[in-house]
Amino acid sequence: MAPAADREGYWGPTTSTLDWCEENYAVTWYIAEFWNTVSNLIMIIPPIFGAIQSVRDGLEKRYIASYLALTVVGMGSWCFHMTLKYEMQLLDELPMIYSCCIFVYCMFECFKMKNSVNYHLLFILVLFSLIVTTVYLKVKEPIFHQREKEHKLEEGQRERERKFQAVCPERQAQFLGLNLITLRSSPELKPRVGRLNKCATQVMYGMLVFTLVLRSIYIVTWVYPWLRGLGYTSLGIFLLGFLLWNIDNIFCDSLRNFRKKMPPIIGVATQFHAWWHILTGLGSYLHILFSLYTRTLYLRYRPKVKFLFGIWPVILFEPLRKH
């Protein structure tokens, strides 16, 4: 039997341009990366309830769209990690761009009249999404929020690759754990192309995130300072997830060797890409709450953050009473 890392399961050979550090089909024959798959539930279930509650409360449609966009991201990531198929990979990566654009729109429309529509900003964000999508489909590479990592090859192929690397160093331009250029000697993988396009699209995705961060800092610094706790908690949780994501990428071989020696329960705790899903899902959910809290304050509602069962944060509010 092939080692767990190279095992083939229900969905057949891997066709995605990415294969993460979790061993394939190690838990069940039906799910390629089990823990990377089920960890997406945090991005699927809570936002659905958030969207339902938003409809009941009569909130603006853009906040319903924010919740649903996060759910779509979680569902796309679920399908990708379950199958490791390229078509499913598109459902994982592209919705992150689209959802981020929705978040940007909400943050920049917090201080406008109720139910107003900023058609100029909408046009810019839609155009931005179309450009990124076109570049992504043309290059067919993991170019936004993921680092190219080695595919799980058989030991003989790994050895030939290491020998080639010793003669021709190939790793270049690492930035925050993202390999922008990775060429391999393995006959199974074609040389990487479209380097400038990949760099450009990474910058475009980074621009969206950076824009959200700057807008959030502006709000908690100059408009509603008492929202610092919620805003910075959202950002801090997201950054912690990003840290674990980098550790999972950079120290993948060490983590795998560690998991082989440890009991399964400890091995599960070292599935840092799954933790990335959990933490970024929570961070994104909190960001929606932050944006919604800001908006309802401006509309003179009385929002409050409550914890369901003492654990999960939700936002409750009531309109200002009319006299």
C-alpha atoms as a PDB file:
ATOM      1  CA  MET A   1       0.000   0.000   0.000  1.00  0.00           C
ATOM      2  CA  ALA A   2       1.227   3.445  -0.856  1.00  0.00           C
ATOM      3  CA  PRO A   3       2.018   5.744   2.043  1.00  0.00           C
ATOM      4  CA  ALA A   4      -0.840   7.926   3.234  1.00  0.00           C
ATOM      5  CA  ALA A   5       0.647  10.989   1.576  1.00  0.00           C
ATOM      6  CA  ASP A   6       0.408   9.356  -1.890  1.00  0.00           C
ATOM      7  CA  ARG A   7      -2.757   7.301  -1.397  1.00  0.00           C
ATOM      8  CA  GLU A   8      -5.475   7.619  -4.015  1.00  0.00           C
ATOM      9  CA  GLY A   9      -9.099   7.669  -2.940  1.00  0.00           C
ATOM     10  CA  TYR A  10     -12.656   8.074  -4.102  1.00  0.00           C
ATOM     11  CA  TRP A  11     -12.063  11.226  -6.171  1.00  0.00           C
ATOM     12  CA  GLY A  12      -9.145   9.781  -8.148  1.00  0.00           C
ATOM     13  CA  PRO A  13      -5.847  11.450  -9.051  1.00  0.00           C
ATOM     14  CA  THR A  14      -5.159  14.990  -7.893  1.00  0.00           C
ATOM     15  CA  THR A  15      -5.606  17.615 -10.615  1.00  0.00           C
ATOM     16  CA  SER A  16      -5.335  20.795  -8.509  1.00  0.00           C
ATOM     17  CA  THR A  17      -2.184  22.886  -8.663  1.00  0.00           C
ATOM     18  CA  LEU A  18      -1.977  22.588  -4.877  1.00  0.00           C
ATOM     19  CA  ASP A  19      -1.725  19.663  -2.498  1.00  0.00           C
ATOM     20  CA  TRP A  20      -1.491  20.653   1.133  1.00  0.00           C
ATOM     21  CA  CYS A  21       0.478  19.250   4.023  1.00  0.00           C
ATOM     22  CA  GLU A  22      -2.278  17.003   5.353  1.00  0.00           C
ATOM     23  CA  GLU A  23      -1.848  13.378   4.261  1.00  0.00           C
ATOM     24  CA  ASN A  24      -4.311  12.425   1.526  1.00  0.00           C
ATOM     25  CA  TYR A  25      -7.143   9.995   2.321  1.00  0.00           C
ATOM     26  CA  ALA A  26      -5.601   9.220   5.696  1.00  0.00           C
ATOM     27  CA  VAL A  27      -8.910   9.361   7.598  1.00  0.00           C
ATOM     28  CA  THR A  28     -11.465   8.215   5.045  1.00  0.00           C
ATOM     29  CA  TRP A  29     -11.476   6.991   1.451  1.00  0.00           C
ATOM     30  CA  TYR A  30     -14.099   9.597   0.533  1.00  0.00           C
ATOM     31  CA  ILE A  31     -12.302  12.795   1.616  1.00  0.00           C
ATOM     32  CA  ALA A  32      -8.810  13.691   0.372  1.00  0.00           C
ATOM     33  CA  GLU A  33      -7.892  16.055   3.211  1.00  0.00           C
ATOM     34  CA  PHE A  34     -10.304  15.292   6.029  1.00  0.00           C
ATOM     35  CA  TRP A  35      -9.344  17.915   8.619  1.00  0.00           C
ATOM     36  CA  ASN A  36      -8.803  20.622   5.995  1.00  0.00           C
ATOM     37  CA  THR A  37     -12.319  19.819   4.799  1.00  0.00           C
ATOM     38  CA  VAL A  38     -14.398  19.653   7.991  1.00  0.00           C
ATOM     39  CA  SER A  39     -12.688  22.746   9.429  1.00  0.00           C
ATOM     40  CA  ASN A  40     -14.615  24.766   6.844  1.00  0.00           C
ATOM     41  CA  LEU A  41     -17.844  24.240   8.774  1.00  0.00           C
ATOM     42  CA  ILE A  42     -17.074  27.391  10.753  1.00  0.00           C
ATOM     43  CA  MET A  43     -17.325  29.369   7.495  1.00  0.00           C
ATOM     44  CA  ILE A  44     -20.527  27.648   6.402  1.00  0.00           C
ATOM     45  CA  ILE A  45     -22.974  27.211   9.269  1.00  0.00           C
ATOM     46  CA  PRO A  46     -22.659  30.420  11.382  1.00  0.00           C
ATOM     47  CA  PRO A  47     -22.848  32.792   8.387  1.00  0.00           C
ATOM     48  CA  ILE A  48     -26.013  31.049   7.176  1.00  0.00           C
ATOM     49  CA  PHE A  49     -27.676  31.837  10.495  1.00  0.00           C
ATOM     50  CA  GLY A  50     -26.256  35.357  10.274  1.00  0.00           C
ATOM     51  CA  ALA A  51     -27.835  35.839   6.850  1.00  0.00           C
ATOM     52  CA  ILE A  52     -31.199  34.506   8.082  1.00  0.00           C
ATOM     53  CA  GLN A  53     -31.115  36.846  11.074  1.00  0.00           C
ATOM     54  CA  SER A  54     -30.199  39.755   8.806  1.00  0.00           C
ATOM     55  CA  VAL A  55     -33.260  39.063   6.656  1.00  0.00           C
ATOM     56  CA  ARG A  56     -35.482  38.928   9.732  1.00  0.00           C
ATOM     57  CA  ASP A  57     -34.054  42.203  11.028  1.00  0.00           C
ATOM     58  CA  GLY A  58     -34.570  43.910   7.693  1.00  0.00           C
ATOM     59  CA  LEU A  59     -30.892  44.752   7.241  1.00  0.00           C
ATOM     60  CA  GLU A  60     -29.494  46.059   3.982  1.00  0.00           C
ATOM     61  CA  LYS A  61     -28.873  43.417   1.344  1.00  0.00           C
ATOM     62  CA  ARG A  62     -25.139  43.970   1.280  1.00  0.00           C
ATOM     63  CA  TYR A  63     -24.791  42.509   4.768  1.00  0.00           C
ATOM     64  CA  ILE A  64     -26.848  39.491   3.776  1.00  0.00           C
ATOM     65  CA  ALA A  65     -24.483  39.177   0.809  1.00  0.00           C
ATOM     66  CA  SER A  66     -21.474  39.375   3.154  1.00  0.00           C
ATOM     67  CA  TYR A  67     -22.687  36.441   5.229  1.00  0.00           C
ATOM     68  CA  LEU A  68     -23.581  34.391   2.151  1.00  0.00           C
ATOM     69  CA  ALA A  69     -20.244  35.194   0.506  1.00  0.00           C
ATOM     70  CA  LEU A  70     -18.405  33.793   3.524  1.00  0.00           C
ATOM     71  CA  THR A  71     -20.576  30.682   3.296  1.00  0.00           C
ATOM     72  CA  VAL A  72     -19.684  30.300  -0.379  1.00  0.00           C
ATOM     73  CA  VAL A  73     -15.989  30.573   0.493  1.00  0.00           C
ATOM     74  CA  GLY A  74     -16.400  27.801   3.069  1.00  0.00           C
ATOM     75  CA  MET A  75     -18.327  25.565   0.675  1.00  0.00           C
ATOM     76  CA  GLY A  76     -15.789  26.098  -2.082  1.00  0.00           C
ATOM     77  CA  SER A  77     -12.921  25.292   0.259  1.00  0.00           C
ATOM     78  CA  TRP A  78     -14.820  22.194   1.447  1.00  0.00           C
ATOM     79  CA  CYS A  79     -15.179  20.936  -2.139  1.00  0.00           C
ATOM     80  CA  PHE A  80     -11.543  21.662  -2.949  1.00  0.00           C
ATOM     81  CA  HIS A  81     -10.002  19.924   0.039  1.00  0.00           C
ATOM     82  CA  MET A  82     -12.423  17.018  -0.265  1.00  0.00           C
ATOM     83  CA  THR A  83     -11.539  16.308  -3.896  1.00  0.00           C
ATOM     84  CA  LEU A  84      -8.242  18.078  -4.716  1.00  0.00           C
ATOM     85  CA  LYS A  85      -9.631  18.761  -8.187  1.00  0.00           C
ATOM     86  CA  TYR A  86      -8.682  21.883 -10.139  1.00  0.00           C
ATOM     87  CA  GLU A  87     -12.302  22.805 -10.833  1.00  0.00           C
ATOM     88  CA  MET A  88     -12.999  22.769  -7.105  1.00  0.00           C
ATOM     89  CA  GLN A  89      -9.850  24.794  -6.482  1.00  0.00           C
ATOM     90  CA  LEU A  90     -11.446  27.631  -8.455  1.00  0.00           C
ATOM     91  CA  LEU A  91     -14.403  27.495  -6.058  1.00  0.00           C
ATOM     92  CA  ASP A  92     -11.961  27.873  -3.173  1.00  0.00           C
ATOM     93  CA  GLU A  93      -9.828  30.760  -4.360  1.00  0.00           C
ATOM     94  CA  LEU A  94     -11.961  33.028  -6.529  1.00  0.00           C
ATOM     95  CA  PRO A  95     -14.803  33.454  -3.988  1.00  0.00           C
ATOM     96  CA  MET A  96     -12.233  34.851  -1.558  1.00  0.00           C
ATOM     97  CA  ILE A  97     -11.674  37.726  -3.985  1.00  0.00           C
ATOM     98  CA  TYR A  98     -15.397  38.272  -4.490  1.00  0.00           C
ATOM     99  CA  SER A  99     -16.223  38.159  -0.781  1.00  0.00           C
ATOM    100  CA  CYS A 100     -13.398  40.582  -0.018  1.00  0.00           C
ATOM    101  CA  CYS A 101     -14.846  43.006  -2.564  1.00  0.00           C
ATOM    102  CA  ILE A 102     -18.219  42.803  -0.807  1.00  0.00           C
ATOM    103  CA  PHE A 103     -16.502  43.500   2.521  1.00  0.00           C
ATOM    104  CA  VAL A 104     -14.784  46.545   1.017  1.00  0.00           C
ATOM    105  CA  TYR A 105     -18.080  47.882  -0.317  1.00  0.00           C
ATOM    106  CA  CYS A 106     -19.752  47.488   3.069  1.00  0.00           C
ATOM    107  CA  MET A 107     -16.923  49.214   4.917  1.00  0.00           C
ATOM    108  CA  PHE A 108     -16.910  52.240   2.603  1.00  0.00           C
ATOM    109  CA  GLU A 109     -20.699  52.580   2.663  1.00  0.00           C
ATOM    110  CA  CYS A 110     -21.043  52.550   6.443  1.00  0.00           C
ATOM    111  CA  PHE A 111     -21.697  56.285   6.653  1.00  0.00           C
ATOM    112  CA  LYS A 112     -24.200  56.736   3.851  1.00  0.00           C
ATOM    113  CA  MET A 113     -27.976  57.021   3.767  1.00  0.00           C
ATOM    114  CA  LYS A 114     -29.930  53.827   4.354  1.00  0.00           C
ATOM    115  CA  ASN A 115     -30.372  51.639   1.254  1.00  0.00           C
ATOM    116  CA  SER A 116     -28.175  53.955  -0.818  1.00  0.00           C
ATOM    117  CA  VAL A 117     -26.186  52.441  -3.678  1.00  0.00           C
ATOM    118  CA  ASN A 118     -22.735  53.602  -4.729  1.00  0.00           C
ATOM    119  CA  TYR A 119     -22.718  52.617  -8.399  1.00  0.00           C
ATOM    120  CA  HIS A 120     -19.223  53.969  -9.018  1.00  0.00           C
ATOM    121  CA  LEU A 121     -17.696  51.818  -6.266  1.00  0.00           C
ATOM    122  CA  LEU A 122     -19.754  48.833  -7.411  1.00  0.00           C
ATOM    123  CA  PHE A 123     -18.449  49.233 -10.947  1.00  0.00           C
ATOM    124  CA  ILE A 124     -14.845  49.451  -9.755  1.00  0.00           C
ATOM    125  CA  LEU A 125     -15.136  46.339  -7.567  1.00  0.00           C
ATOM    126  CA  VAL A 126     -16.926  44.309 -10.266  1.00  0.00           C
ATOM    127  CA  LEU A 127     -14.294  45.314 -12.810  1.00  0.00           C
ATOM    128  CA  PHE A 128     -11.567  44.450 -10.321  1.00  0.00           C
ATOM    129  CA  SER A 129     -13.077  40.988  -9.781  1.00  0.00           C
ATOM    130  CA  LEU A 130     -13.367  40.358 -13.519  1.00  0.00           C
ATOM    131  CA  ILE A 131      -9.725  41.290 -14.094  1.00  0.00           C
ATOM    132  CA  VAL A 132      -8.499  39.040 -11.298  1.00  0.00           C
ATOM    133  CA  THR A 133     -10.686  36.167 -12.528  1.00  0.00           C
ATOM    134  CA  THR A 134      -9.400  36.531 -16.086  1.00  0.00           C
ATOM    135  CA  VAL A 135      -5.777  36.552 -14.985  1.00  0.00           C
ATOM    136  CA  TYR A 136      -6.352  33.584 -12.689  1.00  0.00           C
ATOM    137  CA  LEU A 137      -7.966  31.434 -15.365  1.00  0.00           C
ATOM    138  CA  LYS A 138      -5.300  32.371 -17.882  1.00  0.00           C
ATOM    139  CA  VAL A 139      -2.355  31.547 -15.633  1.00  0.00           C
ATOM    140  CA  LYS A 140      -3.972  28.518 -13.934  1.00  0.00           C
ATOM    141  CA  GLU A 141      -1.827  28.883 -10.837  1.00  0.00           C
ATOM    142  CA  PRO A 142      -2.415  29.267  -7.069  1.00  0.00           C
ATOM    143  CA  ILE A 143      -1.835  33.006  -7.074  1.00  0.00           C
ATOM    144  CA  PHE A 144      -3.874  34.722  -4.369  1.00  0.00           C
ATOM    145  CA  HIS A 145      -3.821  33.461  -0.833  1.00  0.00           C
ATOM    146  CA  GLN A 146      -1.790  30.278  -1.168  1.00  0.00           C
ATOM    147  CA  ARG A 147       1.832  29.297  -1.367  1.00  0.00           C
ATOM    148  CA  GLU A 148       3.055  26.858  -3.992  1.00  0.00           C
ATOM    149  CA  LYS A 149       4.256  23.817  -2.095  1.00  0.00           C
ATOM    150  CA  GLU A 150       5.726  20.548  -3.300  1.00  0.00           C
ATOM    151  CA  HIS A 151       3.298  17.954  -4.528  1.00  0.00           C
ATOM    152  CA  LYS A 152       3.312  14.699  -2.642  1.00  0.00           C
ATOM    153  CA  LEU A 153       5.676  12.652  -4.830  1.00  0.00           C
ATOM    154  CA  GLU A 154       7.039   9.170  -4.352  1.00  0.00           C
ATOM    155  CA  GLU A 155      10.358   8.902  -2.571  1.00  0.00           C
ATOM    156  CA  GLY A 156      12.325   8.187  -5.732  1.00  0.00           C
ATOM    157  CA  GLN A 157      10.984  11.291  -7.439  1.00  0.00           C
ATOM    158  CA  ARG A 158      11.746  13.378  -4.346  1.00  0.00           C
ATOM    159  CA  GLU A 159      15.334  12.178  -4.391  1.00  0.00           C
ATOM    160  CA  ARG A 160      15.801  13.127  -8.057  1.00  0.00           C
ATOM    161  CA  GLU A 161      14.320  16.528  -7.291  1.00  0.00           C
ATOM    162  CA  ARG A 162      16.706  17.129  -4.392  1.00  0.00           C
ATOM    163  CA  LYS A 163      19.689  16.224  -6.595  1.00  0.00           C
ATOM    164  CA  PHE A 164      18.508  18.647  -9.244  1.00  0.00           C
ATOM    165  CA  GLN A 165      18.044  21.378  -6.689  1.00  0.00           C
ATOM    166  CA  ALA A 166      21.597  20.896  -5.468  1.00  0.00           C
ATOM    167  CA  VAL A 167      22.853  21.697  -8.975  1.00  0.00           C
ATOM    168  CA  CYS A 168      20.269  24.294  -9.915  1.00  0.00           C
ATOM    169  CA  PRO A 169      18.806  26.223  -6.961  1.00  0.00           C
ATOM    170  CA  GLU A 170      15.257  27.102  -7.797  1.00  0.00           C
ATOM    171  CA  ARG A 171      13.547  28.743  -4.821  1.00  0.00           C
ATOM    172  CA  GLN A 172      13.290  32.499  -5.223  1.00  0.00           C
ATOM    173  CA  ALA A 173      11.423  35.513  -3.924  1.00  0.00           C
ATOM    174  CA  GLN A 174       9.789  34.245  -0.745  1.00  0.00           C
ATOM    175  CA  PHE A 175       7.503  36.857   0.728  1.00  0.00           C
ATOM    176  CA  LEU A 176       5.541  36.158   3.920  1.00  0.00           C
ATOM    177  CA  GLY A 177       5.625  32.455   3.192  1.00  0.00           C
ATOM    178  CA  LEU A 178       4.485  32.801  -0.437  1.00  0.00           C
ATOM    179  CA  ASN A 179       6.726  31.255  -3.109  1.00  0.00           C
ATOM    180  CA  LEU A 180       6.237  33.319  -6.222  1.00  0.00           C
ATOM    181  CA  ILE A 181       8.464  31.158  -8.395  1.00  0.00           C
ATOM    182  CA  THR A 182       8.929  27.421  -8.071  1.00  0.00           C
ATOM    183  CA  LEU A 183      10.377  25.283 -10.862  1.00  0.00           C
ATOM    184  CA  ARG A 184      10.678  21.537 -10.550  1.00  0.00           C
ATOM    185  CA  SER A 185      12.624  18.832 -12.370  1.00  0.00           C
ATOM    186  CA  SER A 186       9.823  16.290 -11.934  1.00  0.00           C
ATOM    187  CA  PRO A 187       8.401  15.199 -15.313  1.00  0.00           C
ATOM    188  CA  GLU A 188       4.911  15.285 -13.762  1.00  0.00           C
ATOM    189  CA  LEU A 189       4.938  19.045 -13.335  1.00  0.00           C
ATOM    190  CA  LYS A 190       5.428  21.641 -16.044  1.00  0.00           C
ATOM    191  CA  PRO A 191       7.731  24.641 -15.477  1.00  0.00           C
ATOM    192  CA  ARG A 192       5.908  27.553 -13.918  1.00  0.00           C
ATOM    193  CA  VAL A 193       4.934  30.438 -16.193  1.00  0.00           C
ATOM    194  CA  GLY A 194       3.253  33.794 -15.895  1.00  0.00           C
ATOM    195  CA  ARG A 195       5.505  35.055 -13.095  1.00  0.00           C
ATOM    196  CA  LEU A 196       4.654  38.710 -13.594  1.00  0.00           C
ATOM    197  CA  ASN A 197       0.931  37.945 -13.741  1.00  0.00           C
ATOM    198  CA  LYS A 198       1.107  35.954 -10.521  1.00  0.00           C
ATOM    199  CA  CYS A 199       2.963  38.736  -8.741  1.00  0.00           C
ATOM    200  CA  ALA A 200       0.457  41.285 -10.000  1.00  0.00           C
ATOM    201  CA  THR A 201      -2.558  39.311  -8.818  1.00  0.00           C
ATOM    202  CA  GLN A 202      -0.999  38.730  -5.406  1.00  0.00           C
ATOM    203  CA  VAL A 203      -0.621  42.485  -5.120  1.00  0.00           C
ATOM    204  CA  MET A 204      -4.264  42.943  -6.159  1.00  0.00           C
ATOM    205  CA  TYR A 205      -5.516  40.575  -3.466  1.00  0.00           C
ATOM    206  CA  GLY A 206      -3.224  42.197  -0.925  1.00  0.00           C
ATOM    207  CA  MET A 207      -4.657  45.582  -1.871  1.00  0.00           C
ATOM    208  CA  LEU A 208      -8.161  44.441  -0.903  1.00  0.00           C
ATOM    209  CA  VAL A 209      -7.044  43.145   2.487  1.00  0.00           C
ATOM    210  CA  PHE A 210      -4.880  46.181   3.137  1.00  0.00           C
ATOM    211  CA  THR A 211      -7.784  48.464   2.223  1.00  0.00           C
ATOM    212  CA  LEU A 212     -10.021  46.701   4.757  1.00  0.00           C
ATOM    213  CA  VAL A 213      -7.383  47.002   7.464  1.00  0.00           C
ATOM    214  CA  LEU A 214      -6.826  50.718   6.842  1.00  0.00           C
ATOM    215  CA  ARG A 215     -10.555  51.431   6.802  1.00  0.00           C
ATOM    216  CA  SER A 216     -11.061  49.511  10.037  1.00  0.00           C
ATOM    217  CA  ILE A 217      -8.210  51.368  11.739  1.00  0.00           C
ATOM    218  CA  TYR A 218      -9.683  54.679  10.613  1.00  0.00           C
ATOM    219  CA  ILE A 219     -13.078  53.800  12.107  1.00  0.00           C
ATOM    220  CA  VAL A 220     -11.767  52.636  15.486  1.00  0.00           C
ATOM    221  CA  THR A 221      -9.346  55.557  15.709  1.00  0.00           C
ATOM    222  CA  TRP A 222     -11.395  58.525  14.559  1.00  0.00           C
ATOM    223  CA  VAL A 223     -15.081  57.535  14.483  1.00  0.00           C
ATOM    224  CA  TYR A 224     -15.996  54.867  17.026  1.00  0.00           C
ATOM    225  CA  PRO A 225     -13.005  54.266  19.342  1.00  0.00           C
ATOM    226  CA  TRP A 226     -15.079  51.965  21.571  1.00  0.00           C
ATOM    227  CA  LEU A 227     -15.130  49.409  18.747  1.00  0.00           C
ATOM    228  CA  ARG A 228     -11.391  48.799  19.024  1.00  0.00           C
ATOM    229  CA  GLY A 229     -11.915  45.536  20.895  1.00  0.00           C
ATOM    230  CA  LEU A 230     -14.054  44.014  18.164  1.00  0.00           C
ATOM    231  CA  GLY A 231     -11.990  45.406  15.303  1.00  0.00           C
ATOM    232  CA  TYR A 232      -8.588  44.417  16.643  1.00  0.00           C
ATOM    233  CA  THR A 233      -9.836  41.007  17.795  1.00  0.00           C
ATOM    234  CA  SER A 234     -10.975  40.271  14.256  1.00  0.00           C
ATOM    235  CA  LEU A 235      -7.609  41.338  12.847  1.00  0.00           C
ATOM    236  CA  GLY A 236      -5.592  39.511  15.510  1.00  0.00           C
ATOM    237  CA  ILE A 237      -7.410  36.214  14.990  1.00  0.00           C
ATOM    238  CA  PHE A 238      -6.912  36.470  11.241  1.00  0.00           C
ATOM    239  CA  LEU A 239      -3.173  37.163  11.654  1.00  0.00           C
ATOM    240  CA  LEU A 240      -2.795  34.202  14.017  1.00  0.00           C
ATOM    241  CA  GLY A 241      -4.376  31.993  11.382  1.00  0.00           C
ATOM    242  CA  PHE A 242      -2.000  33.409   8.779  1.00  0.00           C
ATOM    243  CA  LEU A 243       0.948  32.584  11.046  1.00  0.00           C
ATOM    244  CA  LEU A 244      -0.165  28.967  11.396  1.00  0.00           C
ATOM    245  CA  TRP A 245      -0.736  28.776   7.653  1.00  0.00           C
ATOM    246  CA  ASN A 246       2.882  29.781   7.067  1.00  0.00           C
ATOM    247  CA  ILE A 247       4.152  27.279   9.632  1.00  0.00           C
ATOM    248  CA  ASP A 248       2.174  24.537   7.884  1.00  0.00           C
ATOM    249  CA  ASN A 249       3.744  25.482   4.549  1.00  0.00           C
ATOM    250  CA  ILE A 250       7.331  26.018   5.617  1.00  0.00           C
ATOM    251  CA  PHE A 251       7.684  23.138   8.079  1.00  0.00           C
ATOM    252  CA  CYS A 252       5.475  20.598   6.313  1.00  0.00           C
ATOM    253  CA  ASP A 253       8.048  17.776   6.264  1.00  0.00           C
ATOM    254  CA  SER A 254       8.835  18.249   9.946  1.00  0.00           C
ATOM    255  CA  LEU A 255       5.153  18.289  10.853  1.00  0.00           C
ATOM    256  CA  ARG A 256       4.532  15.066   8.951  1.00  0.00           C
ATOM    257  CA  ASN A 257       7.410  13.320  10.625  1.00  0.00           C
ATOM    258  CA  PHE A 258       6.164  14.550  13.992  1.00  0.00           C
ATOM    259  CA  ARG A 259       2.659  13.251  13.311  1.00  0.00           C
ATOM    260  CA  LYS A 260       4.013   9.807  12.467  1.00  0.00           C
ATOM    261  CA  LYS A 261       5.541   9.537  15.945  1.00  0.00           C
ATOM    262  CA  MET A 262       2.673  11.012  17.940  1.00  0.00           C
ATOM    263  CA  PRO A 263      -0.791   9.671  18.905  1.00  0.00           C
ATOM    264  CA  PRO A 264      -3.540  10.640  16.412  1.00  0.00           C
ATOM    265  CA  ILE A 265      -5.134  13.154  18.774  1.00  0.00           C
ATOM    266  CA  ILE A 266      -1.892  15.141  18.919  1.00  0.00           C
ATOM    267  CA  GLY A 267      -1.395  14.794  15.194  1.00  0.00           C
ATOM    268  CA  VAL A 268      -4.779  16.374  14.563  1.00  0.00           C
ATOM    269  CA  ALA A 269      -3.764  19.390  16.647  1.00  0.00           C
ATOM    270  CA  THR A 270      -0.841  19.982  14.257  1.00  0.00           C
ATOM    271  CA  GLN A 271      -3.046  20.270  11.172  1.00  0.00           C
ATOM    272  CA  PHE A 272      -2.301  23.978  10.959  1.00  0.00           C
ATOM    273  CA  HIS A 273      -4.002  24.506   7.618  1.00  0.00           C
ATOM    274  CA  ALA A 274      -7.235  23.374   9.268  1.00  0.00           C
ATOM    275  CA  TRP A 275      -6.558  25.873  12.050  1.00  0.00           C
ATOM    276  CA  TRP A 276      -6.080  28.497   9.355  1.00  0.00           C
ATOM    277  CA  HIS A 277      -9.625  27.784   8.178  1.00  0.00           C
ATOM    278  CA  ILE A 278     -11.013  28.004  11.701  1.00  0.00           C
ATOM    279  CA  LEU A 279      -9.222  31.212  12.652  1.00  0.00           C
ATOM    280  CA  THR A 280      -9.712  33.068   9.378  1.00  0.00           C
ATOM    281  CA  GLY A 281     -13.338  31.948   9.300  1.00  0.00           C
ATOM    282  CA  LEU A 282     -13.857  33.368  12.773  1.00  0.00           C
ATOM    283  CA  GLY A 283     -11.861  36.495  11.943  1.00  0.00           C
ATOM    284  CA  SER A 284     -13.921  37.121   8.796  1.00  0.00           C
ATOM    285  CA  TYR A 285     -17.162  36.537  10.704  1.00  0.00           C
ATOM    286  CA  LEU A 286     -16.086  39.048  13.358  1.00  0.00           C
ATOM    287  CA  HIS A 287     -15.212  41.507  10.613  1.00  0.00           C
ATOM    288  CA  ILE A 288     -18.782  41.293   9.321  1.00  0.00           C
ATOM    289  CA  LEU A 289     -20.023  41.952  12.857  1.00  0.00           C
ATOM    290  CA  PHE A 290     -17.668  44.933  13.102  1.00  0.00           C
ATOM    291  CA  SER A 291     -18.900  46.354   9.806  1.00  0.00           C
ATOM    292  CA  LEU A 292     -22.530  45.745  10.763  1.00  0.00           C
ATOM    293  CA  TYR A 293     -22.038  47.284  14.209  1.00  0.00           C
ATOM    294  CA  THR A 294     -20.516  50.376  12.623  1.00  0.00           C
ATOM    295  CA  ARG A 295     -23.373  50.688  10.153  1.00  0.00           C
ATOM    296  CA  THR A 296     -26.176  50.276  12.682  1.00  0.00           C
ATOM    297  CA  LEU A 297     -24.552  52.800  15.005  1.00  0.00           C
ATOM    298  CA  TYR A 298     -24.551  55.329  12.196  1.00  0.00           C
ATOM    299  CA  LEU A 299     -28.227  54.571  11.496  1.00  0.00           C
ATOM    300  CA  ARG A 300     -28.940  55.269  15.187  1.00  0.00           C
ATOM    301  CA  TYR A 301     -29.814  51.709  16.055  1.00  0.00           C
ATOM    302  CA  ARG A 302     -28.697  50.252  19.368  1.00  0.00           C
ATOM    303  CA  PRO A 303     -26.475  47.260  18.511  1.00  0.00           C
ATOM    304  CA  LYS A 304     -25.070  44.883  21.088  1.00  0.00           C
ATOM    305  CA  VAL A 305     -22.749  41.906  20.762  1.00  0.00           C
ATOM    306  CA  LYS A 306     -24.118  38.871  22.578  1.00  0.00           C
ATOM    307  CA  PHE A 307     -22.687  35.387  22.968  1.00  0.00           C
ATOM    308  CA  LEU A 308     -24.931  32.440  22.169  1.00  0.00           C
ATOM    309  CA  PHE A 309     -24.441  29.728  24.783  1.00  0.00           C
ATOM    310  CA  GLY A 310     -21.689  31.936  26.155  1.00  0.00           C
ATOM    311  CA  ILE A 311     -19.460  31.074  23.190  1.00  0.00           C
ATOM    312  CA  TRP A 312     -20.503  32.319  19.752  1.00  0.00           C
ATOM    313  CA  PRO A 313     -20.759  36.102  19.110  1.00  0.00           C
ATOM    314  CA  VAL A 314     -23.829  37.538  17.386  1.00  0.00           C
ATOM    315  CA  ILE A 315     -25.066  41.077  16.979  1.00  0.00           C
ATOM    316  CA  LEU A 316     -28.511  42.084  18.218  1.00  0.00           C
ATOM    317  CA  PHE A 317     -30.028  45.513  17.877  1.00  0.00           C
ATOM    318  CA  GLU A 318     -33.253  47.402  17.866  1.00  0.00           C
ATOM    319  CA  PRO A 319     -34.167  50.620  16.050  1.00  0.00           C
ATOM    320  CA  LEU A 320     -34.459  53.849  17.952  1.00  0.00           C
ATOM    321  CA  ARG A 321     -38.011  54.224  19.249  1.00  0.00           C
ATOM    322  CA  LYS A 322     -40.119  56.826  17.534  1.00  0.00           C
ATOM    323  CA  HIS A 323     -41.916  59.296  19.757  1.00  0.00           C
END
